[in-house]
Amino acid sequence: MNRNLESELDMLHEEIEEYRIRGEKLNSELHERSNDFELWEAEATTFYFDLQASSVHEVLFENKVHELTGVCENLEDESASKSIKIQQMRERVSFLESEIGGLKALRFHPTKRLSRENQTKYRTSYQAHNEDHTTQQQGATNEKRTAVSNLRLTKNNIFFLNKKVEQLHFY
C-alpha cells in the first residue's frame, strides 16, 4: 500500500508538474497574445491618426485647389483686359503714326507757302522802292522791315512745326 501510495503520489507530482508546465505555456501564450494585441492596438491608433491627418490634408488640398482656381480665373480676366488695352494702344499708335506722317507731309508746305508770300512781298517792296526811290524811300524801308519781320515769323513757324513733330515722335 505504501508503494501504491508512493506511486500514486509520484503520479500526482508528475501531473502537477505537467499542469504547471502547461500553465506556464498558457501564461506565456497569453502574455504573447497580450503583446500582439498591444502591438495591433498601437498600429490601429497609428492608422487612425494617419486617417485623420489625411482628412485634414484633403481639406487643405481642396481649399488650395479652389484658391488656385480663383487665381487662374483672375489671371485670365486680367490677361483679357490687358489684351484689350494692348489692342487699344496699338490703334492709338497707328493713329499717332498716321498723324505724324501727315504732319511730316505738311511740314514743308506751310514754309514754302510763307516763303513764296515773303518773296512776293519783298519783290513788291523792292519794285516800289526802285520806282520812286526819292519819294518813297521811307515807305520802302518800312516794307523791308515788314519783310524781315515776316521772314522771322516764318522761321518761328518752322521752328514751332519742328517742335510739334518731335513731340509726336515721343508719343
N, C-alpha and C. Protein backbone atom coordinates (compact mmCIF):
# COMPACT_ATOMS: atom_id res chain seq x y z
N MET A 1 0.75 -1.16 0.00
CA MET A 1 0.00 0.00 0.00
C MET A 1 0.82 1.26 0.00
N ASN A 2 1.79 1.14 0.70
CA ASN A 2 2.69 2.25 0.79
C ASN A 2 3.28 2.54 -0.59
N ARG A 3 3.56 1.46 -1.22
CA ARG A 3 4.12 1.60 -2.53
C ARG A 3 3.09 2.19 -3.47
N ASN A 4 1.92 1.75 -3.31
CA ASN A 4 0.83 2.26 -4.11
C ASN A 4 0.65 3.75 -3.87
N LEU A 5 0.74 4.06 -2.64
CA LEU A 5 0.57 5.47 -2.29
C LEU A 5 1.73 6.29 -2.85
N GLU A 6 2.90 5.72 -2.76
CA GLU A 6 4.06 6.43 -3.27
C GLU A 6 3.98 6.56 -4.78
N SER A 7 3.56 5.54 -5.42
CA SER A 7 3.45 5.60 -6.86
C SER A 7 2.34 6.57 -7.26
N GLU A 8 1.28 6.55 -6.49
CA GLU A 8 0.20 7.49 -6.77
C GLU A 8 0.68 8.91 -6.53
N LEU A 9 1.43 9.07 -5.49
CA LEU A 9 1.97 10.39 -5.15
C LEU A 9 2.94 10.84 -6.25
N ASP A 10 3.73 9.94 -6.75
CA ASP A 10 4.65 10.29 -7.84
C ASP A 10 3.87 10.68 -9.09
N MET A 11 2.82 9.96 -9.35
CA MET A 11 1.98 10.27 -10.49
C MET A 11 1.33 11.63 -10.34
N LEU A 12 0.89 11.87 -9.14
CA LEU A 12 0.25 13.17 -8.88
C LEU A 12 1.29 14.30 -9.03
N HIS A 13 2.50 14.03 -8.58
CA HIS A 13 3.56 15.04 -8.74
C HIS A 13 3.84 15.29 -10.22
N GLU A 14 3.86 14.22 -10.97
CA GLU A 14 4.09 14.37 -12.41
C GLU A 14 2.95 15.14 -13.06
N GLU A 15 1.74 14.80 -12.63
CA GLU A 15 0.57 15.51 -13.16
C GLU A 15 0.63 16.99 -12.80
N ILE A 16 0.99 17.23 -11.54
CA ILE A 16 1.09 18.63 -11.10
C ILE A 16 2.17 19.34 -11.93
N GLU A 17 3.27 18.63 -12.15
CA GLU A 17 4.36 19.22 -12.93
C GLU A 17 3.90 19.50 -14.36
N GLU A 18 3.13 18.57 -14.92
CA GLU A 18 2.60 18.77 -16.27
C GLU A 18 1.65 19.96 -16.29
N TYR A 19 0.78 20.04 -15.26
CA TYR A 19 -0.16 21.17 -15.19
C TYR A 19 0.59 22.50 -15.02
N ARG A 20 1.64 22.44 -14.22
CA ARG A 20 2.43 23.66 -14.01
C ARG A 20 3.09 24.08 -15.32
N ILE A 21 3.69 23.12 -16.05
CA ILE A 21 4.33 23.41 -17.33
C ILE A 21 3.28 23.91 -18.32
N ARG A 22 2.14 23.20 -18.31
CA ARG A 22 1.05 23.62 -19.21
C ARG A 22 0.57 25.01 -18.84
N GLY A 23 0.46 25.32 -17.55
CA GLY A 23 0.05 26.65 -17.08
C GLY A 23 1.05 27.71 -17.50
N GLU A 24 2.34 27.38 -17.41
CA GLU A 24 3.38 28.33 -17.82
C GLU A 24 3.31 28.59 -19.33
N LYS A 25 3.06 27.51 -20.10
CA LYS A 25 2.93 27.68 -21.55
C LYS A 25 1.74 28.57 -21.87
N LEU A 26 0.62 28.26 -21.20
CA LEU A 26 -0.59 29.07 -21.44
C LEU A 26 -0.36 30.51 -21.01
N ASN A 27 0.31 30.67 -19.90
CA ASN A 27 0.62 32.02 -19.41
C ASN A 27 1.53 32.74 -20.40
N SER A 28 2.52 32.01 -20.94
CA SER A 28 3.43 32.58 -21.92
C SER A 28 2.67 32.96 -23.20
N GLU A 29 1.77 32.07 -23.63
CA GLU A 29 0.96 32.36 -24.82
C GLU A 29 0.07 33.57 -24.58
N LEU A 30 -0.52 33.60 -23.39
CA LEU A 30 -1.39 34.74 -23.04
C LEU A 30 -0.59 36.03 -23.06
N HIS A 31 0.59 35.99 -22.51
CA HIS A 31 1.45 37.18 -22.49
C HIS A 31 1.83 37.58 -23.92
N GLU A 32 2.14 36.57 -24.75
CA GLU A 32 2.49 36.83 -26.14
C GLU A 32 1.30 37.43 -26.89
N ARG A 33 0.12 36.87 -26.67
CA ARG A 33 -1.10 37.40 -27.32
C ARG A 33 -1.40 38.81 -26.81
N SER A 34 -1.14 39.02 -25.55
CA SER A 34 -1.36 40.35 -24.99
C SER A 34 -0.42 41.36 -25.67
N ASN A 35 0.83 40.95 -25.88
CA ASN A 35 1.79 41.81 -26.58
C ASN A 35 1.34 42.05 -28.01
N ASP A 36 0.87 40.99 -28.68
CA ASP A 36 0.35 41.14 -30.05
C ASP A 36 -0.82 42.11 -30.06
N PHE A 37 -1.71 41.95 -29.08
CA PHE A 37 -2.88 42.83 -29.01
C PHE A 37 -2.44 44.29 -28.83
N GLU A 38 -1.46 44.53 -27.96
CA GLU A 38 -0.96 45.90 -27.75
C GLU A 38 -0.33 46.44 -29.04
N LEU A 39 0.40 45.58 -29.74
CA LEU A 39 1.01 45.99 -31.00
C LEU A 39 -0.06 46.35 -32.02
N TRP A 40 -1.08 45.51 -32.13
CA TRP A 40 -2.17 45.78 -33.06
C TRP A 40 -2.92 47.05 -32.67
N GLU A 41 -3.09 47.24 -31.39
CA GLU A 41 -3.77 48.44 -30.90
C GLU A 41 -2.95 49.69 -31.26
N ALA A 42 -1.62 49.59 -31.11
CA ALA A 42 -0.75 50.71 -31.48
C ALA A 42 -0.82 50.98 -32.98
N GLU A 43 -0.84 49.91 -33.78
CA GLU A 43 -0.96 50.09 -35.23
C GLU A 43 -2.30 50.71 -35.59
N ALA A 44 -3.36 50.26 -34.92
CA ALA A 44 -4.70 50.82 -35.19
C ALA A 44 -4.72 52.31 -34.84
N THR A 45 -4.08 52.68 -33.73
CA THR A 45 -4.02 54.09 -33.34
C THR A 45 -3.24 54.88 -34.39
N THR A 46 -2.14 54.32 -34.88
CA THR A 46 -1.34 54.98 -35.91
C THR A 46 -2.15 55.16 -37.19
N PHE A 47 -2.86 54.09 -37.58
CA PHE A 47 -3.69 54.18 -38.79
C PHE A 47 -4.79 55.23 -38.62
N TYR A 48 -5.39 55.27 -37.43
CA TYR A 48 -6.45 56.25 -37.18
C TYR A 48 -5.88 57.67 -37.25
N PHE A 49 -4.70 57.87 -36.66
CA PHE A 49 -4.05 59.18 -36.71
C PHE A 49 -3.73 59.56 -38.15
N ASP A 50 -3.19 58.59 -38.92
CA ASP A 50 -2.89 58.84 -40.34
C ASP A 50 -4.15 59.17 -41.12
N LEU A 51 -5.25 58.48 -40.79
CA LEU A 51 -6.53 58.76 -41.46
C LEU A 51 -6.98 60.19 -41.18
N GLN A 52 -6.88 60.60 -39.92
CA GLN A 52 -7.28 61.98 -39.59
C GLN A 52 -6.35 62.99 -40.26
N ALA A 53 -5.06 62.72 -40.27
CA ALA A 53 -4.11 63.62 -40.94
C ALA A 53 -4.42 63.69 -42.43
N SER A 54 -4.75 62.55 -43.03
CA SER A 54 -5.11 62.54 -44.46
C SER A 54 -6.37 63.35 -44.71
N SER A 55 -7.32 63.25 -43.80
CA SER A 55 -8.56 64.03 -43.94
C SER A 55 -8.26 65.53 -43.89
N VAL A 56 -7.39 65.92 -42.97
CA VAL A 56 -7.02 67.34 -42.86
C VAL A 56 -6.29 67.77 -44.13
N HIS A 57 -5.37 66.93 -44.61
CA HIS A 57 -4.64 67.25 -45.84
C HIS A 57 -5.59 67.35 -47.03
N GLU A 58 -6.59 66.50 -47.06
CA GLU A 58 -7.56 66.53 -48.15
C GLU A 58 -8.31 67.86 -48.16
N VAL A 59 -8.75 68.30 -46.97
CA VAL A 59 -9.47 69.58 -46.87
C VAL A 59 -8.56 70.73 -47.29
N LEU A 60 -7.31 70.71 -46.80
CA LEU A 60 -6.37 71.77 -47.16
C LEU A 60 -6.09 71.77 -48.66
N PHE A 61 -5.94 70.58 -49.22
CA PHE A 61 -5.68 70.46 -50.66
C PHE A 61 -6.86 70.99 -51.46
N GLU A 62 -8.08 70.62 -51.05
CA GLU A 62 -9.28 71.11 -51.75
C GLU A 62 -9.35 72.64 -51.68
N ASN A 63 -9.07 73.19 -50.51
CA ASN A 63 -9.10 74.66 -50.37
C ASN A 63 -8.04 75.30 -51.26
N LYS A 64 -6.86 74.70 -51.32
CA LYS A 64 -5.79 75.24 -52.16
C LYS A 64 -6.18 75.17 -53.64
N VAL A 65 -6.83 74.07 -54.03
CA VAL A 65 -7.28 73.92 -55.42
C VAL A 65 -8.30 75.00 -55.75
N HIS A 66 -9.26 75.24 -54.83
CA HIS A 66 -10.26 76.29 -55.06
C HIS A 66 -9.60 77.66 -55.15
N GLU A 67 -8.64 77.89 -54.26
CA GLU A 67 -7.92 79.17 -54.27
C GLU A 67 -7.18 79.37 -55.58
N LEU A 68 -6.47 78.34 -56.03
CA LEU A 68 -5.71 78.44 -57.27
C LEU A 68 -6.63 78.56 -58.48
N THR A 69 -7.79 77.93 -58.42
CA THR A 69 -8.77 78.08 -59.50
C THR A 69 -9.21 79.53 -59.59
N GLY A 70 -9.48 80.14 -58.43
CA GLY A 70 -9.86 81.57 -58.41
C GLY A 70 -8.75 82.45 -58.95
N VAL A 71 -7.52 82.15 -58.56
CA VAL A 71 -6.38 82.94 -59.04
C VAL A 71 -6.25 82.80 -60.56
N CYS A 72 -6.42 81.58 -61.07
CA CYS A 72 -6.33 81.36 -62.52
C CYS A 72 -7.42 82.14 -63.25
N GLU A 73 -8.63 82.14 -62.71
CA GLU A 73 -9.72 82.89 -63.33
C GLU A 73 -9.40 84.38 -63.34
N ASN A 74 -8.87 84.89 -62.21
CA ASN A 74 -8.50 86.30 -62.14
C ASN A 74 -7.41 86.62 -63.16
N LEU A 75 -6.43 85.73 -63.29
CA LEU A 75 -5.35 85.96 -64.26
C LEU A 75 -5.88 85.93 -65.69
N GLU A 76 -6.83 85.05 -65.96
CA GLU A 76 -7.42 85.01 -67.30
C GLU A 76 -8.16 86.31 -67.58
N ASP A 77 -8.93 86.81 -66.59
CA ASP A 77 -9.65 88.07 -66.76
C ASP A 77 -8.66 89.22 -66.97
N GLU A 78 -7.60 89.22 -66.17
CA GLU A 78 -6.59 90.28 -66.28
C GLU A 78 -5.90 90.21 -67.64
N SER A 79 -5.62 89.01 -68.10
CA SER A 79 -4.98 88.83 -69.40
C SER A 79 -5.89 89.35 -70.51
N ALA A 80 -7.17 89.04 -70.43
CA ALA A 80 -8.12 89.52 -71.44
C ALA A 80 -8.19 91.05 -71.41
N SER A 81 -8.22 91.61 -70.21
CA SER A 81 -8.27 93.07 -70.06
C SER A 81 -7.01 93.71 -70.65
N LYS A 82 -5.86 93.11 -70.37
CA LYS A 82 -4.61 93.68 -70.89
C LYS A 82 -4.54 93.52 -72.41
N SER A 83 -5.09 92.43 -72.93
CA SER A 83 -5.11 92.26 -74.38
C SER A 83 -5.93 93.37 -75.04
N ILE A 84 -7.05 93.71 -74.40
CA ILE A 84 -7.88 94.81 -74.92
C ILE A 84 -7.10 96.12 -74.86
N LYS A 85 -6.43 96.37 -73.73
CA LYS A 85 -5.64 97.59 -73.60
C LYS A 85 -4.52 97.64 -74.64
N ILE A 86 -3.88 96.50 -74.86
CA ILE A 86 -2.80 96.45 -75.86
C ILE A 86 -3.35 96.77 -77.24
N GLN A 87 -4.51 96.21 -77.56
CA GLN A 87 -5.13 96.48 -78.86
C GLN A 87 -5.46 97.97 -78.99
N GLN A 88 -6.01 98.56 -77.92
CA GLN A 88 -6.32 99.99 -77.95
C GLN A 88 -5.05 100.82 -78.13
N MET A 89 -3.97 100.41 -77.44
CA MET A 89 -2.71 101.14 -77.57
C MET A 89 -2.15 101.01 -78.99
N ARG A 90 -2.29 99.83 -79.59
CA ARG A 90 -1.82 99.65 -80.97
C ARG A 90 -2.60 100.56 -81.92
N GLU A 91 -3.92 100.63 -81.69
CA GLU A 91 -4.74 101.50 -82.53
C GLU A 91 -4.31 102.96 -82.35
N ARG A 92 -4.04 103.34 -81.10
CA ARG A 92 -3.61 104.72 -80.82
C ARG A 92 -2.26 105.00 -81.48
N VAL A 93 -1.33 104.06 -81.38
CA VAL A 93 -0.01 104.22 -82.01
C VAL A 93 -0.17 104.36 -83.51
N SER A 94 -1.03 103.53 -84.09
CA SER A 94 -1.26 103.60 -85.53
C SER A 94 -1.83 104.97 -85.91
N PHE A 95 -2.79 105.44 -85.11
CA PHE A 95 -3.38 106.76 -85.36
C PHE A 95 -2.32 107.85 -85.25
N LEU A 96 -1.51 107.79 -84.18
CA LEU A 96 -0.48 108.81 -83.99
C LEU A 96 0.57 108.76 -85.09
N GLU A 97 0.91 107.55 -85.55
CA GLU A 97 1.87 107.44 -86.65
C GLU A 97 1.31 108.07 -87.92
N SER A 98 0.01 107.87 -88.16
CA SER A 98 -0.58 108.49 -89.35
C SER A 98 -0.61 110.01 -89.19
N GLU A 99 -0.87 110.48 -87.96
CA GLU A 99 -0.85 111.93 -87.70
C GLU A 99 0.56 112.48 -87.93
N ILE A 100 1.56 111.76 -87.45
CA ILE A 100 2.95 112.20 -87.63
C ILE A 100 3.28 112.25 -89.12
N GLY A 101 2.85 111.21 -89.83
CA GLY A 101 3.09 111.19 -91.28
C GLY A 101 2.44 112.39 -91.95
N GLY A 102 1.21 112.71 -91.53
CA GLY A 102 0.53 113.87 -92.09
C GLY A 102 1.25 115.16 -91.76
N LEU A 103 1.73 115.26 -90.52
CA LEU A 103 2.46 116.47 -90.12
C LEU A 103 3.79 116.57 -90.87
N LYS A 104 4.44 115.42 -91.09
CA LYS A 104 5.69 115.46 -91.86
C LYS A 104 5.42 115.92 -93.28
N ALA A 105 4.30 115.45 -93.83
CA ALA A 105 3.95 115.86 -95.20
C ALA A 105 3.64 117.35 -95.24
N LEU A 106 2.99 117.85 -94.21
CA LEU A 106 2.65 119.27 -94.17
C LEU A 106 3.81 120.14 -93.69
N ARG A 107 4.84 119.52 -93.21
CA ARG A 107 5.96 120.23 -92.60
C ARG A 107 6.55 121.28 -93.54
N PHE A 108 6.73 120.96 -94.80
CA PHE A 108 7.38 121.88 -95.72
C PHE A 108 6.38 122.72 -96.50
N HIS A 109 5.13 122.29 -96.59
CA HIS A 109 4.15 123.04 -97.37
C HIS A 109 3.90 124.44 -96.80
N PRO A 110 3.66 124.60 -95.50
CA PRO A 110 3.45 125.97 -94.99
C PRO A 110 4.69 126.83 -95.17
N THR A 111 5.86 126.24 -95.07
CA THR A 111 7.10 127.01 -95.21
C THR A 111 7.25 127.50 -96.64
N LYS A 112 6.93 126.63 -97.57
CA LYS A 112 7.03 127.03 -98.97
C LYS A 112 6.04 128.15 -99.26
N ARG A 113 4.80 127.98 -98.73
CA ARG A 113 3.78 128.99 -98.96
C ARG A 113 4.21 130.32 -98.34
N LEU A 114 4.68 130.28 -97.08
CA LEU A 114 5.10 131.50 -96.41
C LEU A 114 6.32 132.11 -97.11
N SER A 115 7.22 131.25 -97.58
CA SER A 115 8.40 131.74 -98.27
C SER A 115 8.00 132.44 -99.57
N ARG A 116 7.04 131.86 -100.31
CA ARG A 116 6.57 132.49 -101.55
C ARG A 116 5.92 133.84 -101.25
N GLU A 117 5.12 133.87 -100.19
CA GLU A 117 4.46 135.13 -99.81
C GLU A 117 5.50 136.19 -99.47
N ASN A 118 6.52 135.77 -98.72
CA ASN A 118 7.57 136.73 -98.35
C ASN A 118 8.35 137.20 -99.57
N GLN A 119 8.61 136.28 -100.52
CA GLN A 119 9.31 136.67 -101.74
C GLN A 119 8.46 137.68 -102.53
N THR A 120 7.16 137.41 -102.60
CA THR A 120 6.26 138.32 -103.32
C THR A 120 6.26 139.68 -102.64
N LYS A 121 6.16 139.68 -101.33
CA LYS A 121 6.15 140.95 -100.60
C LYS A 121 7.48 141.68 -100.79
N TYR A 122 8.58 140.93 -100.77
CA TYR A 122 9.88 141.54 -100.93
C TYR A 122 10.03 142.12 -102.34
N ARG A 123 9.58 141.37 -103.35
CA ARG A 123 9.65 141.88 -104.72
C ARG A 123 8.82 143.15 -104.86
N THR A 124 7.62 143.08 -104.28
CA THR A 124 6.75 144.26 -104.35
C THR A 124 7.43 145.44 -103.67
N SER A 125 8.00 145.16 -102.54
CA SER A 125 8.69 146.21 -101.79
C SER A 125 9.87 146.74 -102.59
N TYR A 126 10.63 145.84 -103.20
CA TYR A 126 11.80 146.23 -103.97
C TYR A 126 11.40 147.03 -105.21
N GLN A 127 10.34 146.59 -105.90
CA GLN A 127 9.88 147.30 -107.09
C GLN A 127 9.37 148.69 -106.72
N ALA A 128 8.65 148.76 -105.64
CA ALA A 128 8.14 150.06 -105.22
C ALA A 128 9.30 150.98 -104.86
N HIS A 129 10.32 150.42 -104.29
CA HIS A 129 11.48 151.20 -103.90
C HIS A 129 12.21 151.72 -105.14
N ASN A 130 12.35 150.90 -106.15
CA ASN A 130 13.05 151.31 -107.37
C ASN A 130 12.25 152.33 -108.17
N GLU A 131 10.94 152.22 -108.20
CA GLU A 131 10.10 153.12 -108.99
C GLU A 131 10.17 154.55 -108.46
N ASP A 132 10.08 154.65 -107.22
CA ASP A 132 10.03 156.00 -106.68
C ASP A 132 10.97 156.09 -105.49
N HIS A 133 12.28 156.01 -105.76
CA HIS A 133 13.28 155.94 -104.72
C HIS A 133 13.31 157.21 -103.87
N THR A 134 13.19 158.29 -104.50
CA THR A 134 13.32 159.54 -103.78
C THR A 134 12.09 159.86 -102.96
N THR A 135 10.91 159.53 -103.47
CA THR A 135 9.69 159.91 -102.75
C THR A 135 9.24 158.85 -101.75
N GLN A 136 9.61 157.64 -102.02
CA GLN A 136 9.09 156.58 -101.15
C GLN A 136 10.21 155.86 -100.39
N GLN A 137 11.30 156.51 -100.18
CA GLN A 137 12.42 155.85 -99.51
C GLN A 137 12.01 155.41 -98.10
N GLN A 138 11.28 156.25 -97.42
CA GLN A 138 10.85 155.89 -96.06
C GLN A 138 9.87 154.72 -96.10
N GLY A 139 8.93 154.67 -97.02
CA GLY A 139 7.95 153.58 -97.14
C GLY A 139 8.62 152.26 -97.46
N ALA A 140 9.65 152.31 -98.32
CA ALA A 140 10.37 151.09 -98.70
C ALA A 140 11.11 150.51 -97.50
N THR A 141 11.67 151.39 -96.69
CA THR A 141 12.36 150.92 -95.50
C THR A 141 11.39 150.20 -94.59
N ASN A 142 10.20 150.77 -94.44
CA ASN A 142 9.17 150.11 -93.61
C ASN A 142 8.77 148.76 -94.18
N GLU A 143 8.65 148.70 -95.51
CA GLU A 143 8.27 147.43 -96.12
C GLU A 143 9.38 146.40 -95.97
N LYS A 144 10.64 146.83 -96.03
CA LYS A 144 11.75 145.91 -95.81
C LYS A 144 11.69 145.36 -94.39
N ARG A 145 11.42 146.26 -93.48
CA ARG A 145 11.30 145.82 -92.09
C ARG A 145 10.16 144.80 -91.95
N THR A 146 9.06 145.07 -92.64
CA THR A 146 7.92 144.14 -92.61
C THR A 146 8.32 142.80 -93.21
N ALA A 147 9.07 142.86 -94.33
CA ALA A 147 9.50 141.62 -94.98
C ALA A 147 10.44 140.84 -94.06
N VAL A 148 11.38 141.54 -93.42
CA VAL A 148 12.29 140.89 -92.50
C VAL A 148 11.51 140.30 -91.33
N SER A 149 10.54 141.07 -90.85
CA SER A 149 9.70 140.59 -89.75
C SER A 149 8.93 139.34 -90.18
N ASN A 150 8.41 139.36 -91.43
CA ASN A 150 7.69 138.18 -91.94
C ASN A 150 8.61 136.98 -92.05
N LEU A 151 9.87 137.22 -92.48
CA LEU A 151 10.83 136.12 -92.55
C LEU A 151 11.10 135.54 -91.16
N ARG A 152 11.19 136.42 -90.17
CA ARG A 152 11.38 135.94 -88.80
C ARG A 152 10.18 135.11 -88.35
N LEU A 153 8.98 135.59 -88.70
CA LEU A 153 7.77 134.83 -88.36
C LEU A 153 7.80 133.46 -89.03
N THR A 154 8.27 133.41 -90.27
CA THR A 154 8.35 132.14 -90.99
C THR A 154 9.32 131.20 -90.29
N LYS A 155 10.48 131.73 -89.86
CA LYS A 155 11.44 130.90 -89.13
C LYS A 155 10.83 130.39 -87.84
N ASN A 156 10.08 131.26 -87.15
CA ASN A 156 9.42 130.84 -85.91
C ASN A 156 8.38 129.76 -86.18
N ASN A 157 7.63 129.91 -87.28
CA ASN A 157 6.63 128.89 -87.64
C ASN A 157 7.30 127.55 -87.93
N ILE A 158 8.42 127.58 -88.65
CA ILE A 158 9.14 126.35 -88.96
C ILE A 158 9.65 125.71 -87.67
N PHE A 159 10.22 126.54 -86.78
CA PHE A 159 10.70 126.03 -85.50
C PHE A 159 9.56 125.39 -84.71
N PHE A 160 8.41 126.07 -84.67
CA PHE A 160 7.24 125.56 -83.94
C PHE A 160 6.76 124.24 -84.53
N LEU A 161 6.69 124.14 -85.85
CA LEU A 161 6.25 122.90 -86.51
C LEU A 161 7.23 121.76 -86.23
N ASN A 162 8.53 122.07 -86.26
CA ASN A 162 9.53 121.03 -85.95
C ASN A 162 9.37 120.52 -84.53
N LYS A 163 9.12 121.42 -83.60
CA LYS A 163 8.92 121.02 -82.20
C LYS A 163 7.70 120.12 -82.08
N LYS A 164 6.61 120.46 -82.75
CA LYS A 164 5.39 119.64 -82.70
C LYS A 164 5.65 118.24 -83.24
N VAL A 165 6.38 118.15 -84.34
CA VAL A 165 6.69 116.85 -84.94
C VAL A 165 7.56 116.04 -83.98
N GLU A 166 8.55 116.68 -83.36
CA GLU A 166 9.41 115.98 -82.40
C GLU A 166 8.60 115.47 -81.22
N GLN A 167 7.66 116.28 -80.73
CA GLN A 167 6.82 115.85 -79.62
C GLN A 167 5.99 114.64 -80.00
N LEU A 168 5.49 114.63 -81.21
CA LEU A 168 4.67 113.49 -81.65
C LEU A 168 5.52 112.23 -81.77
N HIS A 169 6.81 112.38 -82.06
CA HIS A 169 7.68 111.20 -82.13
C HIS A 169 7.81 110.53 -80.78
N PHE A 170 7.73 111.30 -79.70
CA PHE A 170 7.87 110.73 -78.37
C PHE A 170 6.64 109.95 -77.96
N TYR A 171 5.50 110.26 -78.53
CA TYR A 171 4.27 109.53 -78.15
C TYR A 171 4.19 108.27 -78.93
